Every structure is written in structure tokens, then in C-alpha cells.
Amino acid sequence: MAVGSQAAKRRLAISRRAEAIVQAEIRAMSVECERVQGVNLAQGVCDTEIPEVVRRAAQECIETGSNTYTRYDGTGDLREAIAAKMRTENGVSCNGETDVVVSAGSTGALYCACLALLNPGDEVVLFEPYYGYHLNTLQAVEAVPRYVTMRPPTWEFSIEQVERAITPRTRAILLNSPGNPSGKVFTRMELEAIADLVIRHDLFVFSDEIYEYFLYDRQVHISPQSLPGMEERTITVSGYSKTFSITGWRIGYSVSDARWARMIGYVNDLIYVCAPAPLQAGVARGIRALPPEFYTSLAAEYKSKRDILCNTLAELGLHPFVPGGAYYVLADVSRVPGDTSKEKAMQILAKTGVATVPGDAFYHGIEGSRQVRFCFAKKQEDLNEACTRLRRLR
């Protein structure tokens, strides 16, 4: 019995792959926030208004009966809308029939791309502070992260750091610009230097551009795929969850050379079958119908929210690292009691009822121990309430 019992225990266990994956700290802090009925500045839920044209198109699709499976890589209408957008806005030559895969959010698109293109043991260069789901995705496909640490307040790094992180086992570099959690917007000079390394070492680039419309202070978004020599080796990942405030719809996409897109699509079919048909219709209509003014006013609105939050944090001596893009602020909260960033985040929650994310969630070392992340993708009244509560830290 003892031998049989031991054998059963070996069989009835989670996989070795799963052992490396933990619940995202973002989710954990959201749960804690709900428990105390606080204001959640932890998770980027983006609870602002959905554009009416996007809502109406999805509703029309439901009412007219377009509710069955789409093609595994998305509807033709949405793929063509994405391809046209990539050509005109991002400077990327793109064929909607062969190069675009619509998936379950940008997270799903990245997961499918990593499964299709990475082997267990392949190394991927990851800039930190990183988005936790990027790290977990790499671990889920049994890839190995190699870290390049950026330095606040402007999140600088040297190209020598990147070159030192590359080994014979390196297969890709993962970029996120504008970045979560830092708000870092990579410059053309930085991207061209990275592209030179990528071409020289024959690597892929996974480029997460989900926050491309959230730019402040004259920052400019550049897609690595638009740079010379990068078209066939870049997998651009993005979506409209943040831009259209539809994070729960889970509509994202990847754009890549047709050779890679085909297999990414097959993996997408295996895992998700397809993204929801009516919601694809809503996003396609939004891409085609919303004017440039929508995006400029979106950036202006979020810049105002950024400034409100950063000014409040600075007033309280919490030293925000003002972001150039996205809708998060990392702040140095050394003055808040606690030995770790988790203890500091819990102290802020206990004293103010405002949930944040511990900085350690974005680093593999100790660099985040004095930081927490705030999200300002909130309704104005909720952001104002959060700032009022944070003043209890005086």
C-alpha cells in the first residue's frame, strides 16, 4: 500500500511547468481591495466609457445572428481593419489575409506566439520592471528569462546591458512600449540599437504595443516591426482592450510574417478556437469609424489623470516616476512603513483603502522593494476619491 500510495502521489500532482507559475500580485491585491471595499488602483481594469459605435456594432452583430465561430484567426473584417491600421499608423507592411491573428486579448496573442516560436530552454531577454504576465507566459512555455534592469526615474539602460544578456541560447527579446508598469516609451535610437543586435544575433522580437495610444509629453510610439530588417523577425502584439475600455471583451491580435502567423493561428485555434464573433465586429467598427480626434482626446484625458495622481503622490513625498505613456505610475514609497513592497502596499491599503501593486511583482531582484504601482485608468470621481484617501498618509 505504501509503495502504491507513493506512486499515486507522484501521478496526482501539478505539472513541473505549473510549479513556476503563481497568482499575479495584481489579482491578489484586487481581491484584498474588494475585501475592504476600497478603491482599486491596482488592476488596469479601465472602467471608463466604451465608445458608442463599438457597443452598437457588437449589439447589432448579436441581434442579426452572427454568433457562431469565426475563422480561427479572426473575421476578415477585423483582420483587414487591423492590417490597414498597421500600414497607415505603424508603418508596417501587413496583409490581413495572411499576417494577422485575432486572439483572446493581447495576453492570449503573446501566449500563442510564444508557444509557436519558442522551445523549452530558449532564453528571452526581458526588460524590467516587467509586466508579470510577460514573465509568467515565458515560464508557461518553459522559456528562460534573461533580465535587463532599467533605472528610474527615466528608465534608462545601455545597449551593452542588452548585449551582455544575449547568449547562444537566446532566441528573442521581449519589448513593451509604452511599458507596464514603468510607462517607458522606447526612443527610436534605443529601438534601432536593439534592432542592430537582433539582426546580428538572428533573434525574434515580441513587441507588446497595447498602450500605443496612451502617450504624453510629445512622446512618439514606434513599432519595431517598421524598422529596416525587422519586418520578418518581429511579432507585434496589441489590441483594443485599453483603447476602447473593453478589457473584459478579450480582443487582441498579433501581426507577423505569414510563416509565423500561420502557426500562431493554429495554436490560437487549439487553445481558444476563436475570439467572440460579436465583439470582433465591435472592435472592427471602432477601428474604421473612430476619427483621429478620438485618440488625441483619449491621450489628453489620461494625461490629466496622470498629472492629478502624480501631483498627489509628490505632495505626500511618495516620489512618482512620471510615465511617458501607458496608465500606470511606479512610485518610491520608502517613507511608508514596511520592510518589503508587499508590506508597504498592505500598509497603504489598511490606512487609506487604496489598493496598489507591490513593486517586487515587477522585478526578479530587490530593485522593486521600495516601489508600488498605481493605476490611473479610472473614472474621474474614483480617481479623485483615491487621491483624497491617499492624503491620509500625511
Protein backbone atom coordinates (compact mmCIF):
# COMPACT_ATOMS: atom_id res chain seq x y z
CA MET A 1 0.00 0.00 0.00
CA ALA A 2 2.77 2.41 0.93
CA VAL A 3 4.55 1.93 -2.40
CA GLY A 4 1.31 2.27 -4.34
CA SER A 5 0.36 5.33 -2.35
CA GLN A 6 3.70 7.00 -3.10
CA ALA A 7 3.30 6.23 -6.81
CA ALA A 8 -0.20 7.72 -6.77
CA LYS A 9 1.12 10.89 -5.16
CA ARG A 10 3.67 11.21 -7.95
CA ARG A 11 0.91 10.91 -10.53
CA LEU A 12 -1.60 13.15 -8.75
CA ALA A 13 0.39 16.38 -8.81
CA ILE A 14 0.57 19.57 -10.77
CA SER A 15 2.99 19.68 -13.68
CA ARG A 16 6.56 20.88 -13.29
CA ARG A 17 5.67 23.65 -15.73
CA ALA A 18 2.88 24.87 -13.44
CA GLU A 19 5.10 24.91 -10.36
CA ALA A 20 6.81 28.06 -11.62
CA ILE A 21 3.55 29.97 -12.06
CA VAL A 22 1.98 31.93 -9.21
CA GLN A 23 -1.10 34.11 -9.00
CA ALA A 24 -0.39 37.59 -10.29
CA GLU A 25 0.14 40.07 -7.47
CA ILE A 26 -2.20 42.39 -9.36
CA ARG A 27 -5.05 39.92 -8.91
CA ALA A 28 -4.14 39.27 -5.29
CA MET A 29 -4.24 42.97 -4.40
CA SER A 30 -7.55 43.38 -6.23
CA VAL A 31 -9.00 40.63 -4.03
CA GLU A 32 -7.70 42.40 -0.91
CA CYS A 33 -9.18 45.67 -2.14
CA GLU A 34 -12.58 44.09 -2.65
CA ARG A 35 -12.41 42.60 0.85
CA VAL A 36 -12.09 46.06 2.42
CA GLN A 37 -14.33 47.73 -0.20
CA GLY A 38 -11.55 50.10 -1.17
CA VAL A 39 -10.60 51.98 -4.34
CA ASN A 40 -8.72 49.71 -6.71
CA LEU A 41 -5.68 51.42 -8.24
CA ALA A 42 -4.01 48.01 -8.55
CA GLN A 43 -5.57 46.45 -11.64
CA GLY A 44 -5.76 48.14 -15.04
CA VAL A 45 -9.45 47.39 -15.48
CA CYS A 46 -10.00 50.61 -17.46
CA ASP A 47 -13.56 51.29 -16.28
CA THR A 48 -14.11 54.37 -18.42
CA GLU A 49 -16.84 54.73 -21.09
CA ILE A 50 -16.89 52.42 -24.13
CA PRO A 51 -17.26 54.33 -27.44
CA GLU A 52 -20.87 54.10 -28.56
CA VAL A 53 -20.00 52.98 -32.09
CA VAL A 54 -18.13 49.98 -30.66
CA ARG A 55 -21.04 48.99 -28.39
CA ARG A 56 -23.63 49.37 -31.12
CA ALA A 57 -21.73 47.25 -33.65
CA ALA A 58 -21.38 44.37 -31.17
CA GLN A 59 -25.08 44.59 -30.28
CA GLU A 60 -26.09 44.63 -33.94
CA CYS A 61 -23.98 41.56 -34.57
CA ILE A 62 -25.72 39.71 -31.73
CA GLU A 63 -29.18 40.74 -32.90
CA THR A 64 -28.56 39.77 -36.54
CA GLY A 65 -27.47 36.28 -35.54
CA SER A 66 -23.73 36.50 -36.20
CA ASN A 67 -22.90 34.47 -33.10
CA THR A 68 -21.18 31.36 -34.41
CA TYR A 69 -17.49 30.51 -34.77
CA THR A 70 -15.37 32.81 -36.88
CA ARG A 71 -12.29 31.70 -38.75
CA TYR A 72 -9.65 30.63 -36.23
CA ASP A 73 -7.57 33.77 -36.87
CA GLY A 74 -10.50 36.20 -36.74
CA THR A 75 -13.12 37.68 -39.02
CA GLY A 76 -11.97 39.01 -42.36
CA ASP A 77 -13.41 42.42 -41.49
CA LEU A 78 -11.36 42.76 -38.31
CA ARG A 79 -8.17 41.35 -39.83
CA GLU A 80 -8.40 43.81 -42.71
CA ALA A 81 -9.12 46.71 -40.34
CA ILE A 82 -6.04 45.81 -38.27
CA ALA A 83 -3.89 45.43 -41.39
CA ALA A 84 -4.96 48.85 -42.70
CA LYS A 85 -4.25 50.41 -39.32
CA MET A 86 -0.78 48.80 -39.19
CA ARG A 87 0.05 50.16 -42.65
CA THR A 88 -1.18 53.70 -42.11
CA GLU A 89 -0.38 54.30 -38.42
CA ASN A 90 2.54 51.98 -37.63
CA GLY A 91 4.37 51.94 -40.96
CA VAL A 92 4.25 48.14 -41.13
CA SER A 93 3.50 46.35 -44.40
CA CYS A 94 0.69 43.97 -43.46
CA ASN A 95 -1.61 41.56 -45.29
CA GLY A 96 -4.84 40.99 -43.41
CA GLU A 97 -5.36 37.61 -45.02
CA THR A 98 -2.01 36.10 -44.04
CA ASP A 99 -0.27 38.19 -41.35
CA VAL A 100 -2.90 38.89 -38.66
CA VAL A 101 -4.17 36.55 -35.94
CA VAL A 102 -7.01 37.74 -33.70
CA SER A 103 -6.82 36.15 -30.27
CA ALA A 104 -8.16 36.28 -26.69
CA GLY A 105 -6.65 39.64 -25.79
CA SER A 106 -3.05 40.69 -26.28
CA THR A 107 -2.11 38.27 -23.47
CA GLY A 108 -3.59 35.38 -25.47
CA ALA A 109 -1.89 36.61 -28.63
CA LEU A 110 1.51 36.65 -26.89
CA TYR A 111 0.96 33.20 -25.39
CA CYS A 112 0.12 31.73 -28.80
CA ALA A 113 3.15 33.41 -30.38
CA CYS A 114 5.48 32.10 -27.67
CA LEU A 115 4.09 28.57 -27.98
CA ALA A 116 4.53 28.69 -31.74
CA LEU A 117 8.06 30.12 -31.82
CA LEU A 118 9.88 29.21 -28.60
CA ASN A 119 11.30 25.86 -27.49
CA PRO A 120 11.73 24.80 -23.86
CA GLY A 121 15.03 26.19 -22.62
CA ASP A 122 15.15 29.07 -25.11
CA GLU A 123 16.20 32.32 -23.49
CA VAL A 124 14.28 35.58 -23.91
CA VAL A 125 15.66 38.98 -22.92
CA LEU A 126 13.13 40.76 -20.69
CA PHE A 127 13.38 44.41 -19.64
CA GLU A 128 12.50 45.12 -16.03
CA PRO A 129 10.44 46.41 -14.40
CA TYR A 130 8.41 43.92 -16.43
CA TYR A 131 4.73 43.08 -16.67
CA GLY A 132 4.14 39.95 -14.60
CA TYR A 133 2.07 38.23 -17.27
CA HIS A 134 5.01 38.51 -19.67
CA LEU A 135 7.24 36.63 -17.23
CA ASN A 136 4.55 34.05 -16.48
CA THR A 137 3.94 33.49 -20.18
CA LEU A 138 7.62 32.77 -20.74
CA GLN A 139 7.66 30.40 -17.80
CA ALA A 140 4.49 28.69 -19.00
CA VAL A 141 6.17 27.77 -22.29
CA GLU A 142 9.36 26.79 -20.40
CA ALA A 143 11.44 29.62 -21.79
CA VAL A 144 14.14 31.22 -19.63
CA PRO A 145 14.10 34.99 -18.95
CA ARG A 146 17.33 37.00 -19.07
CA TYR A 147 16.88 40.35 -17.39
CA VAL A 148 17.94 43.87 -18.36
CA THR A 149 17.22 46.26 -15.50
CA MET A 150 16.19 49.81 -16.39
CA ARG A 151 16.97 52.65 -13.98
CA PRO A 152 14.41 55.17 -12.69
CA PRO A 153 13.29 57.88 -12.92
CA THR A 154 13.51 57.80 -16.74
CA TRP A 155 14.08 54.04 -17.09
CA GLU A 156 17.43 54.21 -18.82
CA PHE A 157 19.51 51.23 -19.89
CA SER A 158 22.60 50.72 -22.00
CA ILE A 159 22.85 48.66 -25.15
CA GLU A 160 25.83 46.96 -23.50
CA GLN A 161 23.45 45.60 -20.86
CA VAL A 162 21.30 44.09 -23.59
CA GLU A 163 24.30 42.56 -25.37
CA ARG A 164 25.55 41.00 -22.14
CA ALA A 165 22.15 39.37 -21.63
CA ILE A 166 22.35 37.61 -25.01
CA THR A 167 23.85 34.11 -25.00
CA PRO A 168 23.98 31.30 -27.58
CA ARG A 169 20.65 30.09 -26.15
CA THR A 170 18.87 33.42 -26.67
CA ARG A 171 16.02 33.27 -29.17
CA ALA A 172 14.13 36.52 -28.65
CA ILE A 173 13.82 39.91 -26.98
CA LEU A 174 10.50 40.95 -25.45
CA LEU A 175 9.70 44.67 -25.65
CA ASN A 176 6.79 46.56 -24.12
CA SER A 177 6.43 50.18 -25.24
CA PRO A 178 4.72 52.14 -23.82
CA GLY A 179 5.54 49.94 -20.86
CA ASN A 180 3.62 48.46 -17.97
CA PRO A 181 4.42 49.26 -15.15
CA SER A 182 7.03 51.94 -15.90
CA GLY A 183 5.37 53.99 -18.63
CA LYS A 184 8.68 53.77 -20.51
CA VAL A 185 8.43 54.75 -24.18
CA PHE A 186 11.40 53.40 -26.10
CA THR A 187 13.03 56.00 -28.35
CA ARG A 188 13.89 55.46 -32.00
CA MET A 189 17.59 55.48 -31.10
CA GLU A 190 17.07 52.77 -28.47
CA LEU A 191 14.97 50.63 -30.80
CA GLU A 192 17.45 50.97 -33.66
CA ALA A 193 20.29 49.86 -31.36
CA ILE A 194 18.22 46.87 -30.22
CA ALA A 195 17.32 46.08 -33.84
CA ASP A 196 21.00 46.01 -34.74
CA LEU A 197 21.62 43.41 -32.01
CA VAL A 198 18.57 41.41 -33.02
CA ILE A 199 19.66 41.20 -36.65
CA ARG A 200 23.26 40.46 -35.76
CA HIS A 201 22.28 37.62 -33.39
CA ASP A 202 19.38 36.38 -35.58
CA LEU A 203 16.66 36.80 -32.95
CA PHE A 204 12.91 37.33 -32.80
CA VAL A 205 11.31 40.36 -31.16
CA PHE A 206 7.98 40.08 -29.34
CA SER A 207 6.67 43.66 -29.20
CA ASP A 208 3.72 44.32 -26.87
CA GLU A 209 2.17 47.63 -28.01
CA ILE A 210 -1.17 47.50 -26.20
CA TYR A 211 -0.70 51.06 -24.84
CA GLU A 212 0.34 52.65 -28.13
CA TYR A 213 -2.34 55.37 -27.96
CA PHE A 214 -1.53 56.38 -24.37
CA LEU A 215 1.32 58.84 -24.96
CA TYR A 216 2.16 62.04 -23.09
CA ASP A 217 4.55 64.97 -23.30
CA ARG A 218 5.12 64.63 -27.07
CA GLN A 219 6.28 61.04 -26.81
CA VAL A 220 6.12 59.11 -30.10
CA HIS A 221 5.27 55.43 -30.49
CA ILE A 222 7.48 53.46 -32.88
CA SER A 223 6.75 49.85 -33.83
CA PRO A 224 9.99 47.84 -34.02
CA GLN A 225 8.46 45.96 -36.95
CA SER A 226 8.63 49.16 -39.02
CA LEU A 227 12.44 49.40 -38.73
CA PRO A 228 14.70 48.19 -41.57
CA GLY A 229 15.38 44.46 -41.38
CA MET A 230 12.82 43.89 -38.61
CA GLU A 231 9.66 43.08 -40.53
CA GLU A 232 10.15 39.31 -40.75
CA ARG A 233 11.57 38.85 -37.25
CA THR A 234 9.09 40.96 -35.22
CA ILE A 235 5.82 39.71 -33.78
CA THR A 236 3.74 42.76 -32.91
CA VAL A 237 1.16 42.13 -30.20
CA SER A 238 -1.59 44.61 -29.42
CA GLY A 239 -5.34 45.04 -29.05
CA TYR A 240 -8.12 47.43 -28.15
CA SER A 241 -8.89 46.35 -24.59
CA LYS A 242 -7.40 49.54 -23.17
CA THR A 243 -8.10 51.96 -26.03
CA PHE A 244 -11.83 51.17 -26.21
CA SER A 245 -12.18 50.35 -22.45
CA ILE A 246 -13.22 46.77 -23.19
CA THR A 247 -10.77 44.78 -21.10
CA GLY A 248 -13.40 42.10 -20.47
CA TRP A 249 -14.03 41.53 -24.18
CA ARG A 250 -10.63 39.89 -24.72
CA ILE A 251 -9.95 41.01 -28.28
CA GLY A 252 -6.25 41.22 -29.14
CA TYR A 253 -4.08 40.34 -32.09
CA SER A 254 -0.62 39.58 -33.38
CA VAL A 255 0.95 40.72 -36.64
CA SER A 256 3.89 38.80 -38.08
CA ASP A 257 5.38 37.35 -41.22
CA ALA A 258 2.98 34.87 -42.81
CA ARG A 259 5.31 31.96 -41.96
CA TRP A 260 4.95 32.65 -38.26
CA ALA A 261 1.33 33.83 -38.38
CA ARG A 262 0.17 30.52 -39.80
CA MET A 263 1.47 28.52 -36.84
CA ILE A 264 0.44 31.19 -34.32
CA GLY A 265 -3.07 30.88 -35.76
CA TYR A 266 -3.04 27.08 -35.44
CA VAL A 267 -2.04 27.39 -31.79
CA ASN A 268 -4.75 30.00 -31.28
CA ASP A 269 -7.28 27.58 -32.75
CA LEU A 270 -6.12 24.84 -30.38
CA ILE A 271 -6.37 26.98 -27.24
CA TYR A 272 -9.18 29.47 -27.91
CA VAL A 273 -10.87 28.24 -31.15
CA CYS A 274 -11.64 31.90 -31.94
CA ALA A 275 -12.36 35.22 -30.29
CA PRO A 276 -16.06 36.07 -29.70
CA ALA A 277 -17.69 36.93 -33.03
CA PRO A 278 -19.91 39.88 -31.96
CA LEU A 279 -17.08 41.51 -30.04
CA GLN A 280 -14.79 41.25 -33.04
CA ALA A 281 -17.44 43.14 -35.01
CA GLY A 282 -17.49 45.91 -32.40
CA VAL A 283 -13.73 46.35 -32.50
CA ALA A 284 -13.61 46.30 -36.31
CA ARG A 285 -16.25 49.04 -36.48
CA GLY A 286 -14.38 51.10 -33.91
CA ILE A 287 -11.10 50.90 -35.81
CA ARG A 288 -12.77 52.02 -39.03
CA ALA A 289 -15.19 54.63 -37.66
CA LEU A 290 -13.45 56.49 -34.85
CA PRO A 291 -11.64 59.64 -36.05
CA PRO A 292 -8.08 60.65 -35.10
CA GLU A 293 -9.55 63.12 -32.61
CA PHE A 294 -10.79 60.20 -30.51
CA TYR A 295 -7.23 59.05 -29.89
CA THR A 296 -5.80 62.51 -29.23
CA SER A 297 -8.58 63.31 -26.75
CA LEU A 298 -8.01 59.93 -25.09
CA ALA A 299 -4.34 60.76 -24.54
CA ALA A 300 -5.24 64.23 -23.24
CA GLU A 301 -7.77 62.79 -20.79
CA TYR A 302 -5.28 60.27 -19.42
CA LYS A 303 -2.50 62.85 -19.21
CA SER A 304 -4.77 64.92 -16.98
CA LYS A 305 -5.42 61.89 -14.77
CA ARG A 306 -1.71 61.11 -14.68
CA ASP A 307 -0.93 64.62 -13.52
CA ILE A 308 -3.60 64.55 -10.80
CA LEU A 309 -2.25 61.31 -9.37
CA CYS A 310 1.44 62.21 -9.71
CA ASN A 311 0.90 65.62 -8.11
CA THR A 312 -0.87 63.96 -5.18
CA LEU A 313 1.91 61.41 -4.73
CA ALA A 314 4.59 64.11 -4.91
CA GLU A 315 2.68 66.20 -2.37
CA LEU A 316 2.78 63.21 0.00
CA GLY A 317 6.50 62.57 -0.52
CA LEU A 318 5.90 59.30 -2.38
CA HIS A 319 8.13 60.32 -5.33
CA PRO A 320 6.34 59.23 -8.53
CA PHE A 321 8.39 58.25 -11.58
CA VAL A 322 6.25 60.21 -14.04
CA PRO A 323 5.37 57.94 -17.00
CA GLY A 324 5.71 58.95 -20.64
CA GLY A 325 2.99 56.51 -21.68
CA ALA A 326 0.52 53.80 -20.59
CA TYR A 327 -1.59 54.47 -17.47
CA TYR A 328 0.46 53.37 -14.50
CA VAL A 329 2.78 55.15 -12.10
CA LEU A 330 5.58 53.48 -10.18
CA ALA A 331 6.44 55.45 -7.05
CA ASP A 332 9.16 55.28 -4.43
CA VAL A 333 7.26 54.74 -1.17
CA SER A 334 10.28 54.43 1.14
CA ARG A 335 8.58 56.61 3.74
CA VAL A 336 5.69 54.14 4.13
CA PRO A 337 6.31 51.63 6.96
CA GLY A 338 7.23 48.08 5.96
CA ASP A 339 10.30 46.03 5.11
CA THR A 340 9.03 44.83 1.73
CA SER A 341 6.99 46.36 -1.05
CA LYS A 342 4.13 43.98 -0.18
CA GLU A 343 4.13 45.22 3.40
CA LYS A 344 4.15 48.81 2.16
CA ALA A 345 1.28 48.14 -0.25
CA MET A 346 -0.73 46.48 2.52
CA GLN A 347 0.01 49.43 4.82
CA ILE A 348 -1.31 51.85 2.18
CA LEU A 349 -4.43 49.71 1.75
CA ALA A 350 -5.01 49.45 5.51
CA LYS A 351 -4.59 53.19 6.13
CA THR A 352 -6.31 54.60 3.05
CA GLY A 353 -8.38 51.85 1.44
CA VAL A 354 -6.46 52.33 -1.82
CA ALA A 355 -5.06 49.20 -3.46
CA THR A 356 -1.71 49.28 -5.24
CA VAL A 357 0.66 46.61 -6.54
CA PRO A 358 3.93 45.83 -4.73
CA GLY A 359 6.99 46.78 -6.78
CA ASP A 360 8.55 43.36 -6.24
CA ALA A 361 5.94 41.99 -8.66
CA PHE A 362 7.87 43.67 -11.49
CA TYR A 363 11.46 42.70 -10.68
CA HIS A 364 13.40 39.48 -10.23
CA GLY A 365 15.76 41.13 -7.73
CA ILE A 366 15.42 43.63 -4.90
CA GLU A 367 15.07 46.78 -7.03
CA GLY A 368 11.31 46.95 -6.50
CA SER A 369 11.36 46.63 -2.72
CA ARG A 370 10.70 50.36 -2.21
CA GLN A 371 8.21 50.79 -5.06
CA VAL A 372 4.49 50.29 -5.60
CA ARG A 373 2.44 50.73 -8.76
CA PHE A 374 -0.66 52.90 -9.05
CA CYS A 375 -3.12 52.69 -11.98
CA PHE A 376 -4.96 55.84 -13.10
CA ALA A 377 -7.28 54.24 -15.68
CA LYS A 378 -10.27 55.13 -13.53
CA LYS A 379 -13.40 57.23 -13.73
CA GLN A 380 -12.61 60.77 -12.65
CA GLU A 381 -14.70 60.55 -9.48
CA ASP A 382 -12.98 57.31 -8.42
CA LEU A 383 -9.52 58.77 -9.06
CA ASN A 384 -10.44 61.88 -7.05
CA GLU A 385 -11.66 59.68 -4.20
CA ALA A 386 -8.43 57.69 -4.28
CA CYS A 387 -6.35 60.87 -4.07
CA THR A 388 -8.44 62.12 -1.15
CA ARG A 389 -7.91 58.82 0.66
CA LEU A 390 -4.17 58.78 -0.07
CA ARG A 391 -3.82 62.09 1.78
CA ARG A 392 -4.42 60.11 4.97
CA LEU A 393 -0.76 59.10 4.62
CA ARG A 394 0.35 62.60 5.65
